[in-house]
Amino acid sequence: MIIYLLQIYLQQIYLQQIYEVARIEEKVMMSHVISKDGTRIAWETIGQGPVVLIVNGAFGYRAFRGGRDLASLLSNDFTVCLYDRRGRGQSTDTPPYAAEREIEDIEALIDQAGGSAYVYGDSSGAALTLLAAASLGSVKIPKVALYDPPYVSDDDKARHAFAAEKQQITALLRQGKRGDATAFCFSDMGIPPARIEEIQKQPDWKLMESVEHTLAYEYTLLGDGTVPLALARKTMMPALVMDGEKSMPFMHEAAETLGKAMPQALRKTLKDQTHSVSAPVLAPVLKAFFRS
């Protein structure tokens, strides 16, 4: 499942502008907030208005597919907060990992931003956003928006496939050889070794490789891989649950299931969109929801 998400990222990588870390440092004033366990979380804001926090999925951070295009489109109406999830970019990390630590990171950011924020999460970032919404409640997160939450079907075959993928990635990460887990993702997609060697020479490889250890975090956030129905039923704030018309069928199923489980959820399928959603398509949908 995470491997499929990587495939979608790779299909879009050369169609979108990639921001190099050095370029970011030249143009953006950096800030840090200290999370409850002492982890330093790097973040920045753009725009004015109610706060919107963007939560990235697998491999995403401010220097790599971090949401700056979306933030720019929202910035006339909102103060948009972008951050590096723990273990990525300029944020530090404090083992052992637990989903609760990432929720604390989000809470620290919201508190720093004024105590309340709308939250948007995509892919596995949507799973983290759901966890945070259920834990922090509607005072700190008055509205939540999710795009393509990557939960698998609630059947034995899907659960076993998810568990096998998780086991393989975990084993590779434990071996500690940088790049092996990312290379496995490519190989599992059927990309031949010679082509993988070519990709490994590209600058984007280093950006993915530098955060591949956080793939284990994504699997932790997703639990057994299926929609956490009990958790969804606890999220009482207004929610917008979205999927892409051209995303994989299991994501449509997950969005449908979440939309029915969350008490105040609206459902929307974005026409012609894949898992890598277009910011110009997404931005007006988020604006309309967060303004309503």
C-alpha atoms as a PDB file:
ATOM      1  CA  MET A   1       0.000   0.000   0.000  1.00  0.00           C
ATOM      2  CA  ILE A   2       2.770   2.484   0.952  1.00  0.00           C
ATOM      3  CA  ILE A   3       4.607   1.159  -2.113  1.00  0.00           C
ATOM      4  CA  TYR A   4       1.669   2.172  -4.305  1.00  0.00           C
ATOM      5  CA  LEU A   5       1.769   5.663  -2.793  1.00  0.00           C
ATOM      6  CA  LEU A   6       5.462   5.952  -3.661  1.00  0.00           C
ATOM      7  CA  GLN A   7       4.680   4.941  -7.224  1.00  0.00           C
ATOM      8  CA  ILE A   8       2.176   7.782  -7.543  1.00  0.00           C
ATOM      9  CA  TYR A   9       4.710  10.245  -6.130  1.00  0.00           C
ATOM     10  CA  LEU A  10       7.276   9.126  -8.682  1.00  0.00           C
ATOM     11  CA  GLN A  11       4.862   9.514 -11.564  1.00  0.00           C
ATOM     12  CA  GLN A  12       4.348  13.160 -10.594  1.00  0.00           C
ATOM     13  CA  ILE A  13       7.823  14.109  -9.396  1.00  0.00           C
ATOM     14  CA  TYR A  14       9.001  15.643 -12.651  1.00  0.00           C
ATOM     15  CA  LEU A  15       5.709  17.417 -13.289  1.00  0.00           C
ATOM     16  CA  GLN A  16       5.946  19.620 -10.188  1.00  0.00           C
ATOM     17  CA  GLN A  17       8.605  22.003  -8.942  1.00  0.00           C
ATOM     18  CA  ILE A  18      10.954  20.466  -6.370  1.00  0.00           C
ATOM     19  CA  TYR A  19      12.294  22.868  -3.765  1.00  0.00           C
ATOM     20  CA  GLU A  20      15.880  22.300  -2.703  1.00  0.00           C
ATOM     21  CA  VAL A  21      16.703  22.804   0.952  1.00  0.00           C
ATOM     22  CA  ALA A  22      19.275  25.512   0.197  1.00  0.00           C
ATOM     23  CA  ARG A  23      16.719  27.456  -1.823  1.00  0.00           C
ATOM     24  CA  ILE A  24      14.203  27.226   1.016  1.00  0.00           C
ATOM     25  CA  GLU A  25      16.717  28.607   3.491  1.00  0.00           C
ATOM     26  CA  GLU A  26      17.286  31.623   1.268  1.00  0.00           C
ATOM     27  CA  LYS A  27      13.604  32.545   0.906  1.00  0.00           C
ATOM     28  CA  VAL A  28      11.829  31.424   4.075  1.00  0.00           C
ATOM     29  CA  MET A  29      12.311  32.398   7.714  1.00  0.00           C
ATOM     30  CA  MET A  30      12.483  29.184   9.728  1.00  0.00           C
ATOM     31  CA  SER A  31      10.867  28.628  13.101  1.00  0.00           C
ATOM     32  CA  HIS A  32      10.904  25.769  15.565  1.00  0.00           C
ATOM     33  CA  VAL A  33       8.518  24.593  18.253  1.00  0.00           C
ATOM     34  CA  ILE A  34       9.463  22.183  21.036  1.00  0.00           C
ATOM     35  CA  SER A  35       7.173  19.191  21.346  1.00  0.00           C
ATOM     36  CA  LYS A  36       6.311  17.556  24.665  1.00  0.00           C
ATOM     37  CA  ASP A  37       9.171  15.037  24.492  1.00  0.00           C
ATOM     38  CA  GLY A  38      11.725  17.698  23.563  1.00  0.00           C
ATOM     39  CA  THR A  39      11.724  17.096  19.811  1.00  0.00           C
ATOM     40  CA  ARG A  40      12.302  20.251  17.760  1.00  0.00           C
ATOM     41  CA  ILE A  41       9.697  20.600  15.025  1.00  0.00           C
ATOM     42  CA  ALA A  42      10.612  22.905  12.136  1.00  0.00           C
ATOM     43  CA  TRP A  43       7.768  24.923  10.696  1.00  0.00           C
ATOM     44  CA  GLU A  44       6.852  28.064   8.777  1.00  0.00           C
ATOM     45  CA  THR A  45       3.746  30.044   7.944  1.00  0.00           C
ATOM     46  CA  ILE A  46       2.458  31.976   4.962  1.00  0.00           C
ATOM     47  CA  GLY A  47      -0.576  34.220   4.596  1.00  0.00           C
ATOM     48  CA  GLN A  48      -3.101  35.792   6.962  1.00  0.00           C
ATOM     49  CA  GLY A  49      -6.355  34.613   8.452  1.00  0.00           C
ATOM     50  CA  PRO A  50      -7.530  31.496  10.296  1.00  0.00           C
ATOM     51  CA  VAL A  51      -4.792  28.905  10.666  1.00  0.00           C
ATOM     52  CA  VAL A  52      -4.652  25.856   8.375  1.00  0.00           C
ATOM     53  CA  LEU A  53      -2.099  23.167   9.238  1.00  0.00           C
ATOM     54  CA  ILE A  54      -0.965  20.862   6.401  1.00  0.00           C
ATOM     55  CA  VAL A  55       0.080  17.316   7.361  1.00  0.00           C
ATOM     56  CA  ASN A  56       2.159  15.464   4.743  1.00  0.00           C
ATOM     57  CA  GLY A  57       2.073  11.760   3.943  1.00  0.00           C
ATOM     58  CA  ALA A  58       4.893   9.291   3.267  1.00  0.00           C
ATOM     59  CA  PHE A  59       8.216  10.887   2.205  1.00  0.00           C
ATOM     60  CA  GLY A  60       6.717  14.392   2.247  1.00  0.00           C
ATOM     61  CA  TYR A  61       8.335  17.308   4.040  1.00  0.00           C
ATOM     62  CA  ARG A  62       8.827  20.989   3.270  1.00  0.00           C
ATOM     63  CA  ALA A  63      11.789  20.409   0.943  1.00  0.00           C
ATOM     64  CA  PHE A  64      10.082  17.601  -0.953  1.00  0.00           C
ATOM     65  CA  ARG A  65       6.410  17.664  -1.942  1.00  0.00           C
ATOM     66  CA  GLY A  66       5.677  19.605   1.213  1.00  0.00           C
ATOM     67  CA  GLY A  67       2.609  21.554   0.087  1.00  0.00           C
ATOM     68  CA  ARG A  68       4.036  24.974  -0.767  1.00  0.00           C
ATOM     69  CA  ASP A  69       1.968  25.194  -3.948  1.00  0.00           C
ATOM     70  CA  LEU A  70      -1.218  24.543  -1.972  1.00  0.00           C
ATOM     71  CA  ALA A  71      -0.145  26.920   0.800  1.00  0.00           C
ATOM     72  CA  SER A  72       0.417  29.716  -1.701  1.00  0.00           C
ATOM     73  CA  LEU A  73      -3.082  29.271  -3.133  1.00  0.00           C
ATOM     74  CA  LEU A  74      -4.649  29.348   0.340  1.00  0.00           C
ATOM     75  CA  SER A  75      -2.558  32.208   1.694  1.00  0.00           C
ATOM     76  CA  ASN A  76      -4.895  35.040   0.667  1.00  0.00           C
ATOM     77  CA  ASP A  77      -7.543  33.678   3.024  1.00  0.00           C
ATOM     78  CA  PHE A  78      -5.654  31.693   5.657  1.00  0.00           C
ATOM     79  CA  THR A  79      -2.454  31.541   7.634  1.00  0.00           C
ATOM     80  CA  VAL A  80      -1.045  28.269   6.346  1.00  0.00           C
ATOM     81  CA  CYS A  81       1.366  26.301   8.521  1.00  0.00           C
ATOM     82  CA  LEU A  82       3.825  23.913   6.876  1.00  0.00           C
ATOM     83  CA  TYR A  83       6.052  21.719   9.001  1.00  0.00           C
ATOM     84  CA  ASP A  84       8.551  18.877   8.841  1.00  0.00           C
ATOM     85  CA  ARG A  85       7.153  15.862  10.617  1.00  0.00           C
ATOM     86  CA  ARG A  86       9.547  14.397  13.199  1.00  0.00           C
ATOM     87  CA  GLY A  87      12.517  12.653  11.645  1.00  0.00           C
ATOM     88  CA  ARG A  88      12.224  14.656   8.425  1.00  0.00           C
ATOM     89  CA  GLY A  89      13.902  17.759   7.036  1.00  0.00           C
ATOM     90  CA  GLN A  90      14.964  20.158   9.770  1.00  0.00           C
ATOM     91  CA  SER A  91      12.944  18.558  12.558  1.00  0.00           C
ATOM     92  CA  THR A  92      14.713  16.302  15.040  1.00  0.00           C
ATOM     93  CA  ASP A  93      13.530  12.915  16.274  1.00  0.00           C
ATOM     94  CA  THR A  94      13.294  11.255  19.683  1.00  0.00           C
ATOM     95  CA  PRO A  95      12.959   7.473  19.893  1.00  0.00           C
ATOM     96  CA  PRO A  96      11.055   5.336  20.521  1.00  0.00           C
ATOM     97  CA  TYR A  97       8.430   6.290  17.946  1.00  0.00           C
ATOM     98  CA  ALA A  98       4.755   6.345  18.856  1.00  0.00           C
ATOM     99  CA  ALA A  99       1.777   7.875  17.086  1.00  0.00           C
ATOM    100  CA  GLU A 100       1.045   9.803  20.273  1.00  0.00           C
ATOM    101  CA  ARG A 101       4.289  11.744  19.826  1.00  0.00           C
ATOM    102  CA  GLU A 102       3.181  12.974  16.404  1.00  0.00           C
ATOM    103  CA  ILE A 103      -0.152  14.044  17.883  1.00  0.00           C
ATOM    104  CA  GLU A 104       1.794  15.998  20.505  1.00  0.00           C
ATOM    105  CA  ASP A 105       3.789  17.630  17.694  1.00  0.00           C
ATOM    106  CA  ILE A 106       0.552  18.782  16.056  1.00  0.00           C
ATOM    107  CA  GLU A 107      -0.763  20.053  19.384  1.00  0.00           C
ATOM    108  CA  ALA A 108       2.448  22.033  19.978  1.00  0.00           C
ATOM    109  CA  LEU A 109       2.151  23.626  16.542  1.00  0.00           C
ATOM    110  CA  ILE A 110      -1.509  24.512  17.081  1.00  0.00           C
ATOM    111  CA  ASP A 111      -0.746  26.014  20.485  1.00  0.00           C
ATOM    112  CA  GLN A 112       2.082  28.055  19.000  1.00  0.00           C
ATOM    113  CA  ALA A 113      -0.210  29.259  16.219  1.00  0.00           C
ATOM    114  CA  GLY A 114      -2.879  30.514  18.619  1.00  0.00           C
ATOM    115  CA  GLY A 115      -4.608  27.468  20.073  1.00  0.00           C
ATOM    116  CA  SER A 116      -6.886  26.467  17.208  1.00  0.00           C
ATOM    117  CA  ALA A 117      -6.332  25.366  13.604  1.00  0.00           C
ATOM    118  CA  TYR A 118      -8.089  23.681  10.727  1.00  0.00           C
ATOM    119  CA  VAL A 119      -6.083  20.625   9.709  1.00  0.00           C
ATOM    120  CA  TYR A 120      -5.689  19.086   6.258  1.00  0.00           C
ATOM    121  CA  GLY A 121      -3.897  15.777   5.745  1.00  0.00           C
ATOM    122  CA  ASP A 122      -3.261  13.759   2.607  1.00  0.00           C
ATOM    123  CA  SER A 123      -2.531  10.046   2.240  1.00  0.00           C
ATOM    124  CA  SER A 124      -0.956   8.671   5.431  1.00  0.00           C
ATOM    125  CA  GLY A 125      -0.964  12.271   6.647  1.00  0.00           C
ATOM    126  CA  ALA A 126      -4.746  11.930   6.581  1.00  0.00           C
ATOM    127  CA  ALA A 127      -4.435   8.968   8.942  1.00  0.00           C
ATOM    128  CA  LEU A 128      -2.324  11.082  11.312  1.00  0.00           C
ATOM    129  CA  THR A 129      -4.812  13.939  11.001  1.00  0.00           C
ATOM    130  CA  LEU A 130      -7.663  11.619  11.972  1.00  0.00           C
ATOM    131  CA  LEU A 131      -5.738  10.442  15.036  1.00  0.00           C
ATOM    132  CA  ALA A 132      -5.014  14.038  16.061  1.00  0.00           C
ATOM    133  CA  ALA A 133      -8.629  15.131  15.548  1.00  0.00           C
ATOM    134  CA  ALA A 134      -9.958  12.299  17.703  1.00  0.00           C
ATOM    135  CA  SER A 135      -7.383  13.012  20.424  1.00  0.00           C
ATOM    136  CA  LEU A 136      -7.341  16.826  20.521  1.00  0.00           C
ATOM    137  CA  GLY A 137     -11.033  17.495  19.891  1.00  0.00           C
ATOM    138  CA  SER A 138     -12.976  20.274  18.214  1.00  0.00           C
ATOM    139  CA  VAL A 139     -11.668  23.154  20.328  1.00  0.00           C
ATOM    140  CA  LYS A 140      -8.150  22.790  18.993  1.00  0.00           C
ATOM    141  CA  ILE A 141      -9.205  21.331  15.624  1.00  0.00           C
ATOM    142  CA  PRO A 142     -12.591  22.836  14.702  1.00  0.00           C
ATOM    143  CA  LYS A 143     -12.574  21.351  11.189  1.00  0.00           C
ATOM    144  CA  VAL A 144     -10.624  18.594   9.506  1.00  0.00           C
ATOM    145  CA  ALA A 145     -10.100  17.685   5.843  1.00  0.00           C
ATOM    146  CA  LEU A 146      -8.744  14.347   4.603  1.00  0.00           C
ATOM    147  CA  TYR A 147      -7.643  13.358   1.098  1.00  0.00           C
ATOM    148  CA  ASP A 148      -7.169   9.746  -0.013  1.00  0.00           C
ATOM    149  CA  PRO A 149      -6.740   8.109   3.405  1.00  0.00           C
ATOM    150  CA  PRO A 150      -4.883   4.919   2.385  1.00  0.00           C
ATOM    151  CA  TYR A 151      -6.691   2.310   4.462  1.00  0.00           C
ATOM    152  CA  VAL A 152      -7.132  -1.129   2.874  1.00  0.00           C
ATOM    153  CA  SER A 153     -10.288  -3.208   2.638  1.00  0.00           C
ATOM    154  CA  ASP A 154     -11.489  -4.958   5.770  1.00  0.00           C
ATOM    155  CA  ASP A 155     -10.850  -8.498   4.563  1.00  0.00           C
ATOM    156  CA  ASP A 156      -8.225 -11.142   5.265  1.00  0.00           C
ATOM    157  CA  LYS A 157      -6.453 -10.851   1.907  1.00  0.00           C
ATOM    158  CA  ALA A 158      -5.958  -7.085   2.166  1.00  0.00           C
ATOM    159  CA  ARG A 159      -4.898  -7.240   5.808  1.00  0.00           C
ATOM    160  CA  HIS A 160      -2.378 -10.007   5.108  1.00  0.00           C
ATOM    161  CA  ALA A 161      -0.907  -8.111   2.141  1.00  0.00           C
ATOM    162  CA  PHE A 162      -0.563  -4.983   4.286  1.00  0.00           C
ATOM    163  CA  ALA A 163       1.125  -6.969   7.064  1.00  0.00           C
ATOM    164  CA  ALA A 164       3.564  -8.605   4.622  1.00  0.00           C
ATOM    165  CA  GLU A 165       4.558  -5.265   3.115  1.00  0.00           C
ATOM    166  CA  LYS A 166       5.030  -3.799   6.590  1.00  0.00           C
ATOM    167  CA  GLN A 167       7.189  -6.758   7.644  1.00  0.00           C
ATOM    168  CA  GLN A 168       9.440  -6.477   4.597  1.00  0.00           C
ATOM    169  CA  ILE A 169       9.969  -2.727   4.944  1.00  0.00           C
ATOM    170  CA  THR A 170      10.608  -3.077   8.675  1.00  0.00           C
ATOM    171  CA  ALA A 171      13.220  -5.773   8.099  1.00  0.00           C
ATOM    172  CA  LEU A 172      15.058  -3.672   5.532  1.00  0.00           C
ATOM    173  CA  LEU A 173      15.061  -0.620   7.793  1.00  0.00           C
ATOM    174  CA  ARG A 174      16.418  -2.664  10.699  1.00  0.00           C
ATOM    175  CA  GLN A 175      19.374  -3.748   8.572  1.00  0.00           C
ATOM    176  CA  GLY A 176      20.346  -0.096   8.535  1.00  0.00           C
ATOM    177  CA  LYS A 177      21.642   0.214   4.990  1.00  0.00           C
ATOM    178  CA  ARG A 178      20.418   3.546   3.688  1.00  0.00           C
ATOM    179  CA  GLY A 179      18.427   3.317   0.493  1.00  0.00           C
ATOM    180  CA  ASP A 180      17.490  -0.367   0.643  1.00  0.00           C
ATOM    181  CA  ALA A 181      13.892   0.222   1.725  1.00  0.00           C
ATOM    182  CA  THR A 182      13.371   2.842  -0.964  1.00  0.00           C
ATOM    183  CA  ALA A 183      14.975   0.572  -3.561  1.00  0.00           C
ATOM    184  CA  PHE A 184      12.674  -2.263  -2.478  1.00  0.00           C
ATOM    185  CA  CYS A 185       9.686  -0.024  -3.166  1.00  0.00           C
ATOM    186  CA  PHE A 186      10.940   0.561  -6.700  1.00  0.00           C
ATOM    187  CA  SER A 187      11.741  -3.103  -7.278  1.00  0.00           C
ATOM    188  CA  ASP A 188       8.355  -4.208  -5.988  1.00  0.00           C
ATOM    189  CA  MET A 189       6.753  -1.950  -8.600  1.00  0.00           C
ATOM    190  CA  GLY A 190       8.544  -3.929 -11.308  1.00  0.00           C
ATOM    191  CA  ILE A 191      11.213  -1.347 -12.135  1.00  0.00           C
ATOM    192  CA  PRO A 192      14.322  -3.184 -13.442  1.00  0.00           C
ATOM    193  CA  PRO A 193      17.628  -2.920 -11.513  1.00  0.00           C
ATOM    194  CA  ALA A 194      19.321  -0.887 -14.256  1.00  0.00           C
ATOM    195  CA  ARG A 195      16.595   1.731 -14.120  1.00  0.00           C
ATOM    196  CA  ILE A 196      16.753   1.837 -10.318  1.00  0.00           C
ATOM    197  CA  GLU A 197      20.478   2.567 -10.573  1.00  0.00           C
ATOM    198  CA  GLU A 198      19.693   5.495 -12.872  1.00  0.00           C
ATOM    199  CA  ILE A 199      17.081   6.847 -10.456  1.00  0.00           C
ATOM    200  CA  GLN A 200      19.518   6.555  -7.559  1.00  0.00           C
ATOM    201  CA  LYS A 201      21.751   9.081  -9.322  1.00  0.00           C
ATOM    202  CA  GLN A 202      19.013  11.728  -9.416  1.00  0.00           C
ATOM    203  CA  PRO A 203      18.783  14.471  -6.717  1.00  0.00           C
ATOM    204  CA  ASP A 204      15.266  13.367  -5.771  1.00  0.00           C
ATOM    205  CA  TRP A 205      16.609  10.013  -4.611  1.00  0.00           C
ATOM    206  CA  LYS A 206      18.595  11.650  -1.821  1.00  0.00           C
ATOM    207  CA  LEU A 207      15.505  13.538  -0.657  1.00  0.00           C
ATOM    208  CA  MET A 208      13.521  10.308  -0.371  1.00  0.00           C
ATOM    209  CA  GLU A 209      16.404   8.307   1.027  1.00  0.00           C
ATOM    210  CA  SER A 210      16.977  10.831   3.818  1.00  0.00           C
ATOM    211  CA  VAL A 211      13.529  10.146   5.283  1.00  0.00           C
ATOM    212  CA  GLU A 212      12.988   6.493   4.369  1.00  0.00           C
ATOM    213  CA  HIS A 213      13.307   5.478   8.038  1.00  0.00           C
ATOM    214  CA  THR A 214       9.985   7.230   8.613  1.00  0.00           C
ATOM    215  CA  LEU A 215       8.223   4.651   6.424  1.00  0.00           C
ATOM    216  CA  ALA A 216       7.996   2.607   9.629  1.00  0.00           C
ATOM    217  CA  TYR A 217       6.128   5.516  11.222  1.00  0.00           C
ATOM    218  CA  GLU A 218       3.512   5.472   8.462  1.00  0.00           C
ATOM    219  CA  TYR A 219       2.770   1.807   9.047  1.00  0.00           C
ATOM    220  CA  THR A 220       2.417   2.472  12.781  1.00  0.00           C
ATOM    221  CA  LEU A 221      -0.100   5.232  12.094  1.00  0.00           C
ATOM    222  CA  LEU A 222      -2.167   2.892   9.917  1.00  0.00           C
ATOM    223  CA  GLY A 223      -2.483   0.163  12.543  1.00  0.00           C
ATOM    224  CA  ASP A 224      -3.658  -3.044  10.873  1.00  0.00           C
ATOM    225  CA  GLY A 225      -4.269  -1.092   7.675  1.00  0.00           C
ATOM    226  CA  THR A 226      -8.065  -0.944   7.901  1.00  0.00           C
ATOM    227  CA  VAL A 227     -10.277   2.068   8.677  1.00  0.00           C
ATOM    228  CA  PRO A 228     -10.295   2.685  12.464  1.00  0.00           C
ATOM    229  CA  LEU A 229     -14.081   2.908  12.795  1.00  0.00           C
ATOM    230  CA  ALA A 230     -14.201   3.450  16.560  1.00  0.00           C
ATOM    231  CA  LEU A 231     -11.766   6.340  16.242  1.00  0.00           C
ATOM    232  CA  ALA A 232     -13.663   7.847  13.320  1.00  0.00           C
ATOM    233  CA  ARG A 233     -16.891   7.835  15.300  1.00  0.00           C
ATOM    234  CA  LYS A 234     -15.171   9.895  18.010  1.00  0.00           C
ATOM    235  CA  THR A 235     -14.327  12.799  15.699  1.00  0.00           C
ATOM    236  CA  MET A 236     -17.219  15.180  16.327  1.00  0.00           C
ATOM    237  CA  MET A 237     -16.000  18.223  14.389  1.00  0.00           C
ATOM    238  CA  PRO A 238     -17.112  18.947  10.797  1.00  0.00           C
ATOM    239  CA  ALA A 239     -15.017  16.895   8.399  1.00  0.00           C
ATOM    240  CA  LEU A 240     -14.453  16.778   4.663  1.00  0.00           C
ATOM    241  CA  VAL A 241     -13.430  13.336   3.408  1.00  0.00           C
ATOM    242  CA  MET A 242     -12.123  13.399  -0.159  1.00  0.00           C
ATOM    243  CA  ASP A 243     -10.748  10.999  -2.705  1.00  0.00           C
ATOM    244  CA  GLY A 244      -9.561  11.330  -6.293  1.00  0.00           C
ATOM    245  CA  GLU A 245     -11.742  10.065  -9.100  1.00  0.00           C
ATOM    246  CA  LYS A 246      -8.698   8.311 -10.567  1.00  0.00           C
ATOM    247  CA  SER A 247      -7.196   7.142  -7.280  1.00  0.00           C
ATOM    248  CA  MET A 248      -7.049   3.433  -6.543  1.00  0.00           C
ATOM    249  CA  PRO A 249     -10.414   1.772  -5.736  1.00  0.00           C
ATOM    250  CA  PHE A 250      -9.349   0.861  -2.197  1.00  0.00           C
ATOM    251  CA  MET A 251      -8.933   4.575  -1.434  1.00  0.00           C
ATOM    252  CA  HIS A 252     -12.438   5.320  -2.657  1.00  0.00           C
ATOM    253  CA  GLU A 253     -13.701   2.530  -0.426  1.00  0.00           C
ATOM    254  CA  ALA A 254     -11.765   3.924   2.547  1.00  0.00           C
ATOM    255  CA  ALA A 255     -13.131   7.431   1.967  1.00  0.00           C
ATOM    256  CA  GLU A 256     -16.676   6.075   1.713  1.00  0.00           C
ATOM    257  CA  THR A 257     -16.284   4.110   4.939  1.00  0.00           C
ATOM    258  CA  LEU A 258     -14.789   7.075   6.793  1.00  0.00           C
ATOM    259  CA  GLY A 259     -17.427   9.432   5.462  1.00  0.00           C
ATOM    260  CA  LYS A 260     -20.165   7.213   6.868  1.00  0.00           C
ATOM    261  CA  ALA A 261     -18.431   6.691  10.212  1.00  0.00           C
ATOM    262  CA  MET A 262     -17.495  10.292  11.041  1.00  0.00           C
ATOM    263  CA  PRO A 263     -20.575  11.992  12.579  1.00  0.00           C
ATOM    264  CA  GLN A 264     -20.290  15.325  10.730  1.00  0.00           C
ATOM    265  CA  ALA A 265     -18.494  14.278   7.564  1.00  0.00           C
ATOM    266  CA  LEU A 266     -19.079  15.520   4.045  1.00  0.00           C
ATOM    267  CA  ARG A 267     -17.927  13.353   1.131  1.00  0.00           C
ATOM    268  CA  LYS A 268     -16.414  14.613  -2.073  1.00  0.00           C
ATOM    269  CA  THR A 269     -14.683  12.938  -4.991  1.00  0.00           C
ATOM    270  CA  LEU A 270     -12.444  15.293  -6.960  1.00  0.00           C
ATOM    271  CA  LYS A 271     -12.962  14.860 -10.695  1.00  0.00           C
ATOM    272  CA  ASP A 272     -10.005  13.636 -12.771  1.00  0.00           C
ATOM    273  CA  GLN A 273      -7.682  13.579  -9.743  1.00  0.00           C
ATOM    274  CA  THR A 274      -5.203  10.848  -8.862  1.00  0.00           C
ATOM    275  CA  HIS A 275      -3.584  10.254  -5.481  1.00  0.00           C
ATOM    276  CA  SER A 276      -1.261  13.149  -6.323  1.00  0.00           C
ATOM    277  CA  VAL A 277      -3.956  15.797  -6.212  1.00  0.00           C
ATOM    278  CA  SER A 278      -3.569  19.081  -8.102  1.00  0.00           C
ATOM    279  CA  ALA A 279      -3.231  22.083  -5.792  1.00  0.00           C
ATOM    280  CA  PRO A 280      -5.329  24.361  -8.077  1.00  0.00           C
ATOM    281  CA  VAL A 281      -8.135  21.792  -7.927  1.00  0.00           C
ATOM    282  CA  LEU A 282      -7.864  21.167  -4.190  1.00  0.00           C
ATOM    283  CA  ALA A 283      -7.421  24.756  -2.950  1.00  0.00           C
ATOM    284  CA  PRO A 284     -10.927  26.090  -3.783  1.00  0.00           C
ATOM    285  CA  VAL A 285     -12.513  22.982  -2.251  1.00  0.00           C
ATOM    286  CA  LEU A 286     -10.621  23.523   1.000  1.00  0.00           C
ATOM    287  CA  LYS A 287     -11.398  27.239   0.980  1.00  0.00           C
ATOM    288  CA  ALA A 288     -15.116  26.613   0.616  1.00  0.00           C
ATOM    289  CA  PHE A 289     -15.140  24.001   3.382  1.00  0.00           C
ATOM    290  CA  PHE A 290     -13.026  25.916   5.901  1.00  0.00           C
ATOM    291  CA  ARG A 291     -15.008  29.127   5.278  1.00  0.00           C
ATOM    292  CA  SER A 292     -18.430  27.480   5.703  1.00  0.00           C
END
